[in-house]
Amino acid sequence: MGVRVAVAGASGYAGGELLRLIAGHPELELAAATAHQQAGTPVTAVHPHLRSYDGLTFAPTGREPLAAADLVFLALPHGESGPLAAALPAPTRVVDLGADHRLADPAAWTRWYATPHAGTWTYGLPELPGQRAAVTAATRVAVPGCYATAITVALAPLLAAGAAEPSDVVVVAASGTSGAGRAPKPHLLASEVAGDLSAYKVGAHQHLPEIKQATGAASLSFTPVLAPMPRGILATVTARPAGAAAPREVLAAAYPDEPFVQLLAEGAWPHTAATLGANTCLLQATVDADSGRIIVVGALDNLGKGAAGQAVQCANLMLGLPETAGLAIDGVAP
């Protein structure tokens, strides 16, 4: 028998990706999959690609179906994880994919979200200095957001090394529509998205304080863009250089042996399609020939390394399993 895990919010896109990864994981066994409106519905009616769960129905989301698990994944809308996590037994390991437990500053939470601050958990980005050990020792882990992961992996080493100015960072990042969740919204209809790129929440995205907290940026201009693709993130990060260090050398030194972060060969640039279905973040860096600004481009699957894959990576560490167990570095193509 494997380690028993449960997924709250399993009917959503991130929850469905968690179910897929658990089904292929050599050590994890699904104890419960819960949902709100889809409670009582067969899993395969919502996720027809998950044949491993034929005959299983979603349980109502609440303490009872989750409390018996060794580890619980919370794949709930922002603001809903806090109360449920507080109701679970204290020894239960919990990995939260929502924003509820990411921010250290309660005032920052209050500014961007409508619910009370639920507290601060260990930040689940193992590739940051010191975080792998912190995640391994933790019982409660907050997984970073998808934008935050792509941007932090690209930017944090440059700021930590003093190679870039923390007060002059500009990010433009495009995301697939699954990043907006599964709830039906008119602007996410295929007829609206196809053939279109649109900026949204310009200069006022709720993940800005998380990105600043994780990267050490003092000031950051962030423009998210909705792209006509189901999944994937391509983040272009630019910063004013602060010294003579070459950005590629800084990134190479930061991620020499990381299984899920790859600095591409010089001249090769990240593609979102190359990350689909994988727990991989691809990076490339250069210096702008005209402005002299540092440019780093990162790509990942927003449901993989940006959500469910990273959650399983953290769970592996928390459970004493190989960090790469059940996770692919290879994407799916075409």
C-alpha atoms as a PDB file:
ATOM      1  CA  MET A   1       0.000   0.000   0.000  1.00  0.00           C
ATOM      2  CA  GLY A   2       1.312   3.444  -0.926  1.00  0.00           C
ATOM      3  CA  VAL A   3       1.126   6.760   0.880  1.00  0.00           C
ATOM      4  CA  ARG A   4      -2.524   7.808   1.085  1.00  0.00           C
ATOM      5  CA  VAL A   5      -3.178  11.267  -0.360  1.00  0.00           C
ATOM      6  CA  ALA A   6      -6.354  13.293  -0.902  1.00  0.00           C
ATOM      7  CA  VAL A   7      -7.173  16.099  -3.297  1.00  0.00           C
ATOM      8  CA  ALA A   8      -9.627  18.862  -2.363  1.00  0.00           C
ATOM      9  CA  GLY A   9     -10.874  20.737  -5.415  1.00  0.00           C
ATOM     10  CA  ALA A  10     -10.196  17.751  -7.650  1.00  0.00           C
ATOM     11  CA  SER A  11     -12.753  18.788 -10.284  1.00  0.00           C
ATOM     12  CA  GLY A  12     -10.722  21.830 -11.400  1.00  0.00           C
ATOM     13  CA  TYR A  13      -7.870  21.931 -13.876  1.00  0.00           C
ATOM     14  CA  ALA A  14      -5.093  21.851 -11.263  1.00  0.00           C
ATOM     15  CA  GLY A  15      -6.997  19.217  -9.285  1.00  0.00           C
ATOM     16  CA  GLY A  16      -7.399  17.085 -12.380  1.00  0.00           C
ATOM     17  CA  GLU A  17      -3.691  17.362 -13.114  1.00  0.00           C
ATOM     18  CA  LEU A  18      -2.974  16.261  -9.544  1.00  0.00           C
ATOM     19  CA  LEU A  19      -5.186  13.202 -10.060  1.00  0.00           C
ATOM     20  CA  ARG A  20      -3.308  12.366 -13.264  1.00  0.00           C
ATOM     21  CA  LEU A  21       0.076  12.609 -11.553  1.00  0.00           C
ATOM     22  CA  ILE A  22      -1.087  10.571  -8.561  1.00  0.00           C
ATOM     23  CA  ALA A  23      -2.386   7.834 -10.872  1.00  0.00           C
ATOM     24  CA  GLY A  24       1.100   7.458 -12.374  1.00  0.00           C
ATOM     25  CA  HIS A  25       3.054   7.902  -9.144  1.00  0.00           C
ATOM     26  CA  PRO A  26       4.874   4.798  -7.865  1.00  0.00           C
ATOM     27  CA  GLU A  27       4.312   5.591  -4.171  1.00  0.00           C
ATOM     28  CA  LEU A  28       1.056   7.570  -3.879  1.00  0.00           C
ATOM     29  CA  GLU A  29      -2.435   6.134  -3.497  1.00  0.00           C
ATOM     30  CA  LEU A  30      -5.555   8.275  -3.850  1.00  0.00           C
ATOM     31  CA  ALA A  31      -7.647   8.181  -0.678  1.00  0.00           C
ATOM     32  CA  ALA A  32     -10.240  10.809  -1.643  1.00  0.00           C
ATOM     33  CA  ALA A  33     -11.052  13.316  -4.365  1.00  0.00           C
ATOM     34  CA  THR A  34     -13.460  16.063  -3.305  1.00  0.00           C
ATOM     35  CA  ALA A  35     -15.389  18.812  -5.048  1.00  0.00           C
ATOM     36  CA  HIS A  36     -18.089  21.374  -4.356  1.00  0.00           C
ATOM     37  CA  GLN A  37     -20.664  21.589  -7.169  1.00  0.00           C
ATOM     38  CA  GLN A  38     -19.434  18.352  -8.743  1.00  0.00           C
ATOM     39  CA  ALA A  39     -19.796  16.300  -5.541  1.00  0.00           C
ATOM     40  CA  GLY A  40     -21.459  12.982  -6.388  1.00  0.00           C
ATOM     41  CA  THR A  41     -20.390  13.192 -10.021  1.00  0.00           C
ATOM     42  CA  PRO A  42     -18.158  10.464 -11.508  1.00  0.00           C
ATOM     43  CA  VAL A  43     -14.556  11.647 -11.867  1.00  0.00           C
ATOM     44  CA  THR A  44     -14.480  10.498 -15.494  1.00  0.00           C
ATOM     45  CA  ALA A  45     -17.549  12.610 -16.310  1.00  0.00           C
ATOM     46  CA  VAL A  46     -15.490  15.706 -15.453  1.00  0.00           C
ATOM     47  CA  HIS A  47     -12.044  14.385 -16.442  1.00  0.00           C
ATOM     48  CA  PRO A  48     -12.706  11.851 -19.227  1.00  0.00           C
ATOM     49  CA  HIS A  49      -8.968  11.447 -19.810  1.00  0.00           C
ATOM     50  CA  LEU A  50      -8.470   9.928 -16.325  1.00  0.00           C
ATOM     51  CA  ARG A  51      -9.483   6.331 -17.011  1.00  0.00           C
ATOM     52  CA  SER A  52      -7.611   5.177 -13.898  1.00  0.00           C
ATOM     53  CA  TYR A  53     -10.481   6.556 -11.809  1.00  0.00           C
ATOM     54  CA  ASP A  54     -13.354   4.863 -13.625  1.00  0.00           C
ATOM     55  CA  GLY A  55     -16.039   4.159 -11.007  1.00  0.00           C
ATOM     56  CA  LEU A  56     -14.858   6.820  -8.530  1.00  0.00           C
ATOM     57  CA  THR A  57     -17.111   9.765  -7.663  1.00  0.00           C
ATOM     58  CA  PHE A  58     -16.209  13.102  -6.123  1.00  0.00           C
ATOM     59  CA  ALA A  59     -16.914  13.369  -2.394  1.00  0.00           C
ATOM     60  CA  PRO A  60     -18.153  16.648  -0.878  1.00  0.00           C
ATOM     61  CA  THR A  61     -15.287  18.904   0.190  1.00  0.00           C
ATOM     62  CA  GLY A  62     -14.915  18.907   3.969  1.00  0.00           C
ATOM     63  CA  ARG A  63     -12.809  17.652   6.821  1.00  0.00           C
ATOM     64  CA  GLU A  64     -14.145  14.108   6.955  1.00  0.00           C
ATOM     65  CA  PRO A  65     -13.034  12.653   3.589  1.00  0.00           C
ATOM     66  CA  LEU A  66      -9.629  14.365   3.884  1.00  0.00           C
ATOM     67  CA  ALA A  67      -8.619  13.765   7.494  1.00  0.00           C
ATOM     68  CA  ALA A  68      -7.683  10.101   7.039  1.00  0.00           C
ATOM     69  CA  ALA A  69      -5.069  10.869   4.367  1.00  0.00           C
ATOM     70  CA  ASP A  70      -1.345  11.023   5.103  1.00  0.00           C
ATOM     71  CA  LEU A  71      -1.094  14.154   2.933  1.00  0.00           C
ATOM     72  CA  VAL A  72      -3.766  16.486   1.549  1.00  0.00           C
ATOM     73  CA  PHE A  73      -3.489  18.612  -1.580  1.00  0.00           C
ATOM     74  CA  LEU A  74      -5.682  21.731  -1.543  1.00  0.00           C
ATOM     75  CA  ALA A  75      -6.500  22.808  -5.113  1.00  0.00           C
ATOM     76  CA  LEU A  76      -9.127  25.371  -4.131  1.00  0.00           C
ATOM     77  CA  PRO A  77      -9.885  28.967  -5.170  1.00  0.00           C
ATOM     78  CA  HIS A  78      -7.899  31.634  -3.361  1.00  0.00           C
ATOM     79  CA  GLY A  79      -9.416  32.331   0.049  1.00  0.00           C
ATOM     80  CA  GLU A  80     -10.911  28.852   0.547  1.00  0.00           C
ATOM     81  CA  SER A  81      -7.865  26.874   1.658  1.00  0.00           C
ATOM     82  CA  GLY A  82      -7.337  28.632   4.984  1.00  0.00           C
ATOM     83  CA  PRO A  83     -10.520  27.533   6.789  1.00  0.00           C
ATOM     84  CA  LEU A  84     -10.304  23.953   5.488  1.00  0.00           C
ATOM     85  CA  ALA A  85      -6.633  23.585   6.391  1.00  0.00           C
ATOM     86  CA  ALA A  86      -7.339  24.865   9.901  1.00  0.00           C
ATOM     87  CA  ALA A  87      -9.965  22.139  10.342  1.00  0.00           C
ATOM     88  CA  LEU A  88      -7.608  19.279   9.439  1.00  0.00           C
ATOM     89  CA  PRO A  89      -5.724  17.369  12.167  1.00  0.00           C
ATOM     90  CA  ALA A  90      -2.473  19.114  13.116  1.00  0.00           C
ATOM     91  CA  PRO A  91      -0.188  16.195  12.122  1.00  0.00           C
ATOM     92  CA  THR A  92      -1.674  15.981   8.612  1.00  0.00           C
ATOM     93  CA  ARG A  93       0.749  17.088   5.934  1.00  0.00           C
ATOM     94  CA  VAL A  94      -0.902  19.669   3.651  1.00  0.00           C
ATOM     95  CA  VAL A  95       0.205  21.173   0.355  1.00  0.00           C
ATOM     96  CA  ASP A  96      -1.785  24.258  -0.652  1.00  0.00           C
ATOM     97  CA  LEU A  97      -1.871  25.198  -4.349  1.00  0.00           C
ATOM     98  CA  GLY A  98      -3.828  28.381  -3.591  1.00  0.00           C
ATOM     99  CA  ALA A  99      -2.515  31.746  -2.434  1.00  0.00           C
ATOM    100  CA  ASP A 100      -3.854  31.580   1.132  1.00  0.00           C
ATOM    101  CA  HIS A 101      -0.590  30.723   2.887  1.00  0.00           C
ATOM    102  CA  ARG A 102       2.070  32.208   0.582  1.00  0.00           C
ATOM    103  CA  LEU A 103       2.418  35.758   1.884  1.00  0.00           C
ATOM    104  CA  ALA A 104       4.393  36.616   5.005  1.00  0.00           C
ATOM    105  CA  ASP A 105       2.868  40.101   5.318  1.00  0.00           C
ATOM    106  CA  PRO A 106      -0.800  40.104   6.432  1.00  0.00           C
ATOM    107  CA  ALA A 107      -1.182  43.684   5.164  1.00  0.00           C
ATOM    108  CA  ALA A 108      -0.134  42.614   1.683  1.00  0.00           C
ATOM    109  CA  TRP A 109      -2.744  39.837   1.763  1.00  0.00           C
ATOM    110  CA  THR A 110      -5.473  42.209   2.922  1.00  0.00           C
ATOM    111  CA  ARG A 111      -4.678  44.648   0.120  1.00  0.00           C
ATOM    112  CA  TRP A 112      -5.156  42.057  -2.641  1.00  0.00           C
ATOM    113  CA  TYR A 113      -7.644  39.543  -1.249  1.00  0.00           C
ATOM    114  CA  ALA A 114     -11.053  39.787   0.382  1.00  0.00           C
ATOM    115  CA  THR A 115     -10.632  37.108   3.073  1.00  0.00           C
ATOM    116  CA  PRO A 116      -8.664  37.184   6.348  1.00  0.00           C
ATOM    117  CA  HIS A 117      -4.981  36.242   6.224  1.00  0.00           C
ATOM    118  CA  ALA A 118      -4.710  32.527   7.022  1.00  0.00           C
ATOM    119  CA  GLY A 119      -1.060  32.543   8.099  1.00  0.00           C
ATOM    120  CA  THR A 120       2.256  31.833   6.432  1.00  0.00           C
ATOM    121  CA  TRP A 121       3.524  28.384   5.489  1.00  0.00           C
ATOM    122  CA  THR A 122       6.844  27.170   4.080  1.00  0.00           C
ATOM    123  CA  TYR A 123       7.207  28.399   0.504  1.00  0.00           C
ATOM    124  CA  GLY A 124       7.225  25.447  -1.861  1.00  0.00           C
ATOM    125  CA  LEU A 125       9.831  26.343  -4.471  1.00  0.00           C
ATOM    126  CA  PRO A 126      12.629  23.824  -3.729  1.00  0.00           C
ATOM    127  CA  GLU A 127      15.052  25.400  -6.214  1.00  0.00           C
ATOM    128  CA  LEU A 128      15.426  28.554  -4.101  1.00  0.00           C
ATOM    129  CA  PRO A 129      18.384  28.570  -1.688  1.00  0.00           C
ATOM    130  CA  GLY A 130      17.486  26.793   1.542  1.00  0.00           C
ATOM    131  CA  GLN A 131      13.953  25.900   0.478  1.00  0.00           C
ATOM    132  CA  ARG A 132      14.540  22.248  -0.317  1.00  0.00           C
ATOM    133  CA  ALA A 133      15.534  21.573   3.283  1.00  0.00           C
ATOM    134  CA  ALA A 134      12.685  23.739   4.568  1.00  0.00           C
ATOM    135  CA  VAL A 135      10.097  21.874   2.477  1.00  0.00           C
ATOM    136  CA  THR A 136      11.515  18.508   3.559  1.00  0.00           C
ATOM    137  CA  ALA A 137      11.082  19.439   7.226  1.00  0.00           C
ATOM    138  CA  ALA A 138       7.652  21.057   6.862  1.00  0.00           C
ATOM    139  CA  THR A 139       4.183  19.649   7.442  1.00  0.00           C
ATOM    140  CA  ARG A 140       2.429  22.589   5.745  1.00  0.00           C
ATOM    141  CA  VAL A 141       3.681  23.953   2.404  1.00  0.00           C
ATOM    142  CA  ALA A 142       2.341  26.744   0.181  1.00  0.00           C
ATOM    143  CA  VAL A 143       3.058  26.089  -3.484  1.00  0.00           C
ATOM    144  CA  PRO A 144       3.914  29.218  -5.501  1.00  0.00           C
ATOM    145  CA  GLY A 145       1.614  30.560  -8.190  1.00  0.00           C
ATOM    146  CA  CYS A 146       2.336  29.743 -11.826  1.00  0.00           C
ATOM    147  CA  TYR A 147       3.421  33.268 -12.772  1.00  0.00           C
ATOM    148  CA  ALA A 148       5.443  33.539  -9.568  1.00  0.00           C
ATOM    149  CA  THR A 149       7.301  30.310 -10.310  1.00  0.00           C
ATOM    150  CA  ALA A 150       8.294  31.281 -13.851  1.00  0.00           C
ATOM    151  CA  ILE A 151       9.363  34.778 -12.815  1.00  0.00           C
ATOM    152  CA  THR A 152      11.125  33.777  -9.592  1.00  0.00           C
ATOM    153  CA  VAL A 153      13.195  31.034 -11.207  1.00  0.00           C
ATOM    154  CA  ALA A 154      14.304  33.547 -13.853  1.00  0.00           C
ATOM    155  CA  LEU A 155      14.928  36.550 -11.590  1.00  0.00           C
ATOM    156  CA  ALA A 156      15.799  35.501  -8.034  1.00  0.00           C
ATOM    157  CA  PRO A 157      19.375  34.304  -8.753  1.00  0.00           C
ATOM    158  CA  LEU A 158      20.227  37.578 -10.509  1.00  0.00           C
ATOM    159  CA  LEU A 159      19.047  39.676  -7.575  1.00  0.00           C
ATOM    160  CA  ALA A 160      20.655  37.379  -4.998  1.00  0.00           C
ATOM    161  CA  ALA A 161      23.990  37.641  -6.824  1.00  0.00           C
ATOM    162  CA  GLY A 162      23.766  41.427  -7.093  1.00  0.00           C
ATOM    163  CA  ALA A 163      23.798  41.155 -10.884  1.00  0.00           C
ATOM    164  CA  ALA A 164      20.557  43.107 -11.398  1.00  0.00           C
ATOM    165  CA  GLU A 165      18.988  46.194  -9.848  1.00  0.00           C
ATOM    166  CA  PRO A 166      16.084  45.180  -7.575  1.00  0.00           C
ATOM    167  CA  SER A 167      14.360  48.536  -8.165  1.00  0.00           C
ATOM    168  CA  ASP A 168      14.113  48.252 -11.942  1.00  0.00           C
ATOM    169  CA  VAL A 169      12.418  45.019 -13.041  1.00  0.00           C
ATOM    170  CA  VAL A 170       9.856  44.707 -15.846  1.00  0.00           C
ATOM    171  CA  VAL A 171       7.970  41.491 -16.620  1.00  0.00           C
ATOM    172  CA  VAL A 172       5.595  40.625 -19.457  1.00  0.00           C
ATOM    173  CA  ALA A 173       4.239  37.088 -19.173  1.00  0.00           C
ATOM    174  CA  ALA A 174       1.730  35.209 -21.327  1.00  0.00           C
ATOM    175  CA  SER A 175      -0.431  32.442 -19.853  1.00  0.00           C
ATOM    176  CA  GLY A 176      -2.762  29.821 -21.232  1.00  0.00           C
ATOM    177  CA  THR A 177      -6.454  29.996 -20.389  1.00  0.00           C
ATOM    178  CA  SER A 178      -6.374  27.132 -17.857  1.00  0.00           C
ATOM    179  CA  GLY A 179      -4.618  29.549 -15.498  1.00  0.00           C
ATOM    180  CA  ALA A 180      -7.979  31.288 -15.029  1.00  0.00           C
ATOM    181  CA  GLY A 181      -9.605  28.132 -13.682  1.00  0.00           C
ATOM    182  CA  ARG A 182     -12.477  26.003 -14.917  1.00  0.00           C
ATOM    183  CA  ALA A 183     -15.424  28.246 -14.026  1.00  0.00           C
ATOM    184  CA  PRO A 184     -17.200  29.404 -17.213  1.00  0.00           C
ATOM    185  CA  LYS A 185     -16.415  33.033 -18.089  1.00  0.00           C
ATOM    186  CA  PRO A 186     -17.425  34.835 -21.308  1.00  0.00           C
ATOM    187  CA  HIS A 187     -13.931  36.183 -22.031  1.00  0.00           C
ATOM    188  CA  LEU A 188     -12.530  32.634 -21.930  1.00  0.00           C
ATOM    189  CA  LEU A 189     -14.885  31.214 -24.570  1.00  0.00           C
ATOM    190  CA  ALA A 190     -13.056  29.729 -27.551  1.00  0.00           C
ATOM    191  CA  SER A 191     -14.620  32.299 -29.891  1.00  0.00           C
ATOM    192  CA  GLU A 192     -13.248  35.114 -27.716  1.00  0.00           C
ATOM    193  CA  VAL A 193      -9.763  33.706 -27.106  1.00  0.00           C
ATOM    194  CA  ALA A 194      -8.904  32.203 -30.493  1.00  0.00           C
ATOM    195  CA  GLY A 195      -6.699  34.458 -32.596  1.00  0.00           C
ATOM    196  CA  ASP A 196      -6.369  37.009 -29.794  1.00  0.00           C
ATOM    197  CA  LEU A 197      -3.842  38.225 -27.227  1.00  0.00           C
ATOM    198  CA  SER A 198      -5.087  40.449 -24.432  1.00  0.00           C
ATOM    199  CA  ALA A 199      -3.432  42.062 -21.421  1.00  0.00           C
ATOM    200  CA  TYR A 200      -5.328  41.937 -18.126  1.00  0.00           C
ATOM    201  CA  LYS A 201      -4.927  43.207 -14.573  1.00  0.00           C
ATOM    202  CA  VAL A 202      -2.196  45.458 -15.951  1.00  0.00           C
ATOM    203  CA  GLY A 203      -0.129  46.901 -13.135  1.00  0.00           C
ATOM    204  CA  ALA A 204      -2.480  45.413 -10.525  1.00  0.00           C
ATOM    205  CA  HIS A 205      -2.163  41.616 -10.502  1.00  0.00           C
ATOM    206  CA  GLN A 206      -2.774  39.961  -7.130  1.00  0.00           C
ATOM    207  CA  HIS A 207       0.377  37.820  -7.390  1.00  0.00           C
ATOM    208  CA  LEU A 208       2.657  40.873  -7.459  1.00  0.00           C
ATOM    209  CA  PRO A 209       3.405  40.818  -3.681  1.00  0.00           C
ATOM    210  CA  GLU A 210       4.238  37.117  -3.863  1.00  0.00           C
ATOM    211  CA  ILE A 211       6.639  37.684  -6.748  1.00  0.00           C
ATOM    212  CA  LYS A 212       8.374  40.531  -4.909  1.00  0.00           C
ATOM    213  CA  GLN A 213       8.588  38.468  -1.729  1.00  0.00           C
ATOM    214  CA  ALA A 214      10.032  35.432  -3.534  1.00  0.00           C
ATOM    215  CA  THR A 215      12.501  37.288  -5.760  1.00  0.00           C
ATOM    216  CA  GLY A 216      13.650  40.140  -3.528  1.00  0.00           C
ATOM    217  CA  ALA A 217      12.580  42.745  -6.097  1.00  0.00           C
ATOM    218  CA  ALA A 218      11.943  46.171  -4.577  1.00  0.00           C
ATOM    219  CA  SER A 219       9.848  47.421  -7.495  1.00  0.00           C
ATOM    220  CA  LEU A 220       8.391  45.349 -10.299  1.00  0.00           C
ATOM    221  CA  SER A 221       6.167  46.221 -13.263  1.00  0.00           C
ATOM    222  CA  PHE A 222       4.128  43.158 -14.245  1.00  0.00           C
ATOM    223  CA  THR A 223       1.901  42.810 -17.309  1.00  0.00           C
ATOM    224  CA  PRO A 224       0.113  39.456 -17.665  1.00  0.00           C
ATOM    225  CA  VAL A 225      -1.206  38.465 -21.095  1.00  0.00           C
ATOM    226  CA  LEU A 226      -3.924  35.925 -21.897  1.00  0.00           C
ATOM    227  CA  ALA A 227      -2.757  33.721 -24.774  1.00  0.00           C
ATOM    228  CA  PRO A 228      -4.902  31.524 -27.060  1.00  0.00           C
ATOM    229  CA  MET A 229      -3.595  28.200 -25.717  1.00  0.00           C
ATOM    230  CA  PRO A 230      -4.926  25.888 -22.988  1.00  0.00           C
ATOM    231  CA  ARG A 231      -1.759  25.719 -20.886  1.00  0.00           C
ATOM    232  CA  GLY A 232       1.721  27.143 -20.597  1.00  0.00           C
ATOM    233  CA  ILE A 233       3.491  30.301 -19.440  1.00  0.00           C
ATOM    234  CA  LEU A 234       6.170  32.305 -21.240  1.00  0.00           C
ATOM    235  CA  ALA A 235       7.664  35.003 -19.011  1.00  0.00           C
ATOM    236  CA  THR A 236      10.029  37.676 -20.302  1.00  0.00           C
ATOM    237  CA  VAL A 237      11.889  39.311 -17.418  1.00  0.00           C
ATOM    238  CA  THR A 238      14.081  42.361 -17.966  1.00  0.00           C
ATOM    239  CA  ALA A 239      16.214  44.181 -15.419  1.00  0.00           C
ATOM    240  CA  ARG A 240      18.899  46.851 -15.288  1.00  0.00           C
ATOM    241  CA  PRO A 241      22.320  45.264 -14.692  1.00  0.00           C
ATOM    242  CA  ALA A 242      24.046  46.058 -11.409  1.00  0.00           C
ATOM    243  CA  GLY A 243      27.496  44.697 -12.174  1.00  0.00           C
ATOM    244  CA  ALA A 244      29.648  42.910 -14.684  1.00  0.00           C
ATOM    245  CA  ALA A 245      28.373  39.356 -14.023  1.00  0.00           C
ATOM    246  CA  ALA A 246      27.018  37.640 -17.138  1.00  0.00           C
ATOM    247  CA  PRO A 247      23.371  36.637 -16.563  1.00  0.00           C
ATOM    248  CA  ARG A 248      23.814  33.199 -18.141  1.00  0.00           C
ATOM    249  CA  GLU A 249      26.713  32.464 -15.810  1.00  0.00           C
ATOM    250  CA  VAL A 250      24.641  33.513 -12.796  1.00  0.00           C
ATOM    251  CA  LEU A 251      21.776  31.221 -13.792  1.00  0.00           C
ATOM    252  CA  ALA A 252      24.135  28.342 -14.587  1.00  0.00           C
ATOM    253  CA  ALA A 253      25.683  28.666 -11.130  1.00  0.00           C
ATOM    254  CA  ALA A 254      22.232  28.768  -9.486  1.00  0.00           C
ATOM    255  CA  TYR A 255      20.846  25.623 -11.153  1.00  0.00           C
ATOM    256  CA  PRO A 256      23.782  23.289 -11.903  1.00  0.00           C
ATOM    257  CA  ASP A 257      22.106  20.005 -10.940  1.00  0.00           C
ATOM    258  CA  GLU A 258      18.402  20.829 -10.747  1.00  0.00           C
ATOM    259  CA  PRO A 259      16.284  18.125 -12.411  1.00  0.00           C
ATOM    260  CA  PHE A 260      13.397  20.466 -13.200  1.00  0.00           C
ATOM    261  CA  VAL A 261      15.170  23.690 -14.192  1.00  0.00           C
ATOM    262  CA  GLN A 262      17.203  23.769 -17.395  1.00  0.00           C
ATOM    263  CA  LEU A 263      19.267  26.621 -18.806  1.00  0.00           C
ATOM    264  CA  LEU A 264      19.169  26.015 -22.554  1.00  0.00           C
ATOM    265  CA  ALA A 265      22.213  26.048 -24.799  1.00  0.00           C
ATOM    266  CA  GLU A 266      23.187  29.524 -25.934  1.00  0.00           C
ATOM    267  CA  GLY A 267      21.000  30.679 -28.808  1.00  0.00           C
ATOM    268  CA  ALA A 268      18.099  28.315 -27.971  1.00  0.00           C
ATOM    269  CA  TRP A 269      14.987  29.966 -26.556  1.00  0.00           C
ATOM    270  CA  PRO A 270      12.226  28.451 -24.395  1.00  0.00           C
ATOM    271  CA  HIS A 271       8.939  27.298 -25.929  1.00  0.00           C
ATOM    272  CA  THR A 272       5.814  26.633 -23.901  1.00  0.00           C
ATOM    273  CA  ALA A 273       5.030  23.570 -26.031  1.00  0.00           C
ATOM    274  CA  ALA A 274       8.298  21.956 -24.917  1.00  0.00           C
ATOM    275  CA  THR A 275       7.088  21.939 -21.297  1.00  0.00           C
ATOM    276  CA  LEU A 276       3.560  20.534 -21.711  1.00  0.00           C
ATOM    277  CA  GLY A 277       2.899  17.696 -19.293  1.00  0.00           C
ATOM    278  CA  ALA A 278       6.310  18.098 -17.649  1.00  0.00           C
ATOM    279  CA  ASN A 279       7.487  19.516 -14.337  1.00  0.00           C
ATOM    280  CA  THR A 280      10.117  21.510 -16.211  1.00  0.00           C
ATOM    281  CA  CYS A 281      11.074  25.190 -16.337  1.00  0.00           C
ATOM    282  CA  LEU A 282      13.237  26.176 -19.311  1.00  0.00           C
ATOM    283  CA  LEU A 283      15.410  29.300 -19.189  1.00  0.00           C
ATOM    284  CA  GLN A 284      17.501  31.455 -21.500  1.00  0.00           C
ATOM    285  CA  ALA A 285      19.272  34.741 -20.827  1.00  0.00           C
ATOM    286  CA  THR A 286      21.030  37.458 -22.774  1.00  0.00           C
ATOM    287  CA  VAL A 287      21.828  41.173 -22.658  1.00  0.00           C
ATOM    288  CA  ASP A 288      19.866  43.533 -24.886  1.00  0.00           C
ATOM    289  CA  ALA A 289      22.200  44.833 -27.589  1.00  0.00           C
ATOM    290  CA  ASP A 290      20.713  48.342 -27.518  1.00  0.00           C
ATOM    291  CA  SER A 291      19.588  49.085 -23.942  1.00  0.00           C
ATOM    292  CA  GLY A 292      22.069  46.861 -22.120  1.00  0.00           C
ATOM    293  CA  ARG A 293      19.248  45.431 -19.996  1.00  0.00           C
ATOM    294  CA  ILE A 294      19.321  41.834 -18.841  1.00  0.00           C
ATOM    295  CA  ILE A 295      16.684  39.658 -20.520  1.00  0.00           C
ATOM    296  CA  VAL A 296      15.656  36.269 -19.139  1.00  0.00           C
ATOM    297  CA  VAL A 297      12.917  34.193 -20.746  1.00  0.00           C
ATOM    298  CA  GLY A 298      11.321  31.316 -18.863  1.00  0.00           C
ATOM    299  CA  ALA A 299       8.742  28.756 -19.979  1.00  0.00           C
ATOM    300  CA  LEU A 300       6.762  26.208 -18.002  1.00  0.00           C
ATOM    301  CA  ASP A 301       3.458  24.350 -17.949  1.00  0.00           C
ATOM    302  CA  ASN A 302       1.214  26.382 -15.647  1.00  0.00           C
ATOM    303  CA  LEU A 303      -0.537  23.178 -14.523  1.00  0.00           C
ATOM    304  CA  GLY A 304       2.776  21.320 -14.148  1.00  0.00           C
ATOM    305  CA  LYS A 305       5.735  23.123 -12.592  1.00  0.00           C
ATOM    306  CA  GLY A 306       3.342  26.046 -12.085  1.00  0.00           C
ATOM    307  CA  ALA A 307       0.851  24.054  -9.981  1.00  0.00           C
ATOM    308  CA  ALA A 308       0.242  20.294  -9.678  1.00  0.00           C
ATOM    309  CA  GLY A 309       3.719  19.103 -10.654  1.00  0.00           C
ATOM    310  CA  GLN A 310       5.363  21.415  -8.169  1.00  0.00           C
ATOM    311  CA  ALA A 311       2.879  20.306  -5.502  1.00  0.00           C
ATOM    312  CA  VAL A 312       3.842  16.662  -6.056  1.00  0.00           C
ATOM    313  CA  GLN A 313       7.531  17.642  -6.030  1.00  0.00           C
ATOM    314  CA  CYS A 314       7.022  19.223  -2.605  1.00  0.00           C
ATOM    315  CA  ALA A 315       4.962  16.271  -1.393  1.00  0.00           C
ATOM    316  CA  ASN A 316       7.765  13.906  -2.389  1.00  0.00           C
ATOM    317  CA  LEU A 317      10.196  15.867  -0.237  1.00  0.00           C
ATOM    318  CA  MET A 318       7.778  16.070   2.700  1.00  0.00           C
ATOM    319  CA  LEU A 319       7.174  12.310   2.575  1.00  0.00           C
ATOM    320  CA  GLY A 320      10.839  11.334   2.277  1.00  0.00           C
ATOM    321  CA  LEU A 321      10.389  10.060  -1.289  1.00  0.00           C
ATOM    322  CA  PRO A 322      12.720  10.737  -4.233  1.00  0.00           C
ATOM    323  CA  GLU A 323      12.035  14.320  -5.310  1.00  0.00           C
ATOM    324  CA  THR A 324      11.532  13.309  -8.940  1.00  0.00           C
ATOM    325  CA  ALA A 325       9.152  10.396  -8.233  1.00  0.00           C
ATOM    326  CA  GLY A 326       6.138  10.397 -10.559  1.00  0.00           C
ATOM    327  CA  LEU A 327       7.273  13.555 -12.380  1.00  0.00           C
ATOM    328  CA  ALA A 328       8.421  13.886 -15.981  1.00  0.00           C
ATOM    329  CA  ILE A 329      11.130  16.194 -17.310  1.00  0.00           C
ATOM    330  CA  ASP A 330      10.010  15.474 -20.886  1.00  0.00           C
ATOM    331  CA  GLY A 331       7.073  17.305 -22.417  1.00  0.00           C
ATOM    332  CA  VAL A 332       4.430  15.990 -24.813  1.00  0.00           C
ATOM    333  CA  ALA A 333       4.502  16.900 -28.495  1.00  0.00           C
ATOM    334  CA  PRO A 334       3.077  17.734 -30.936  1.00  0.00           C
END
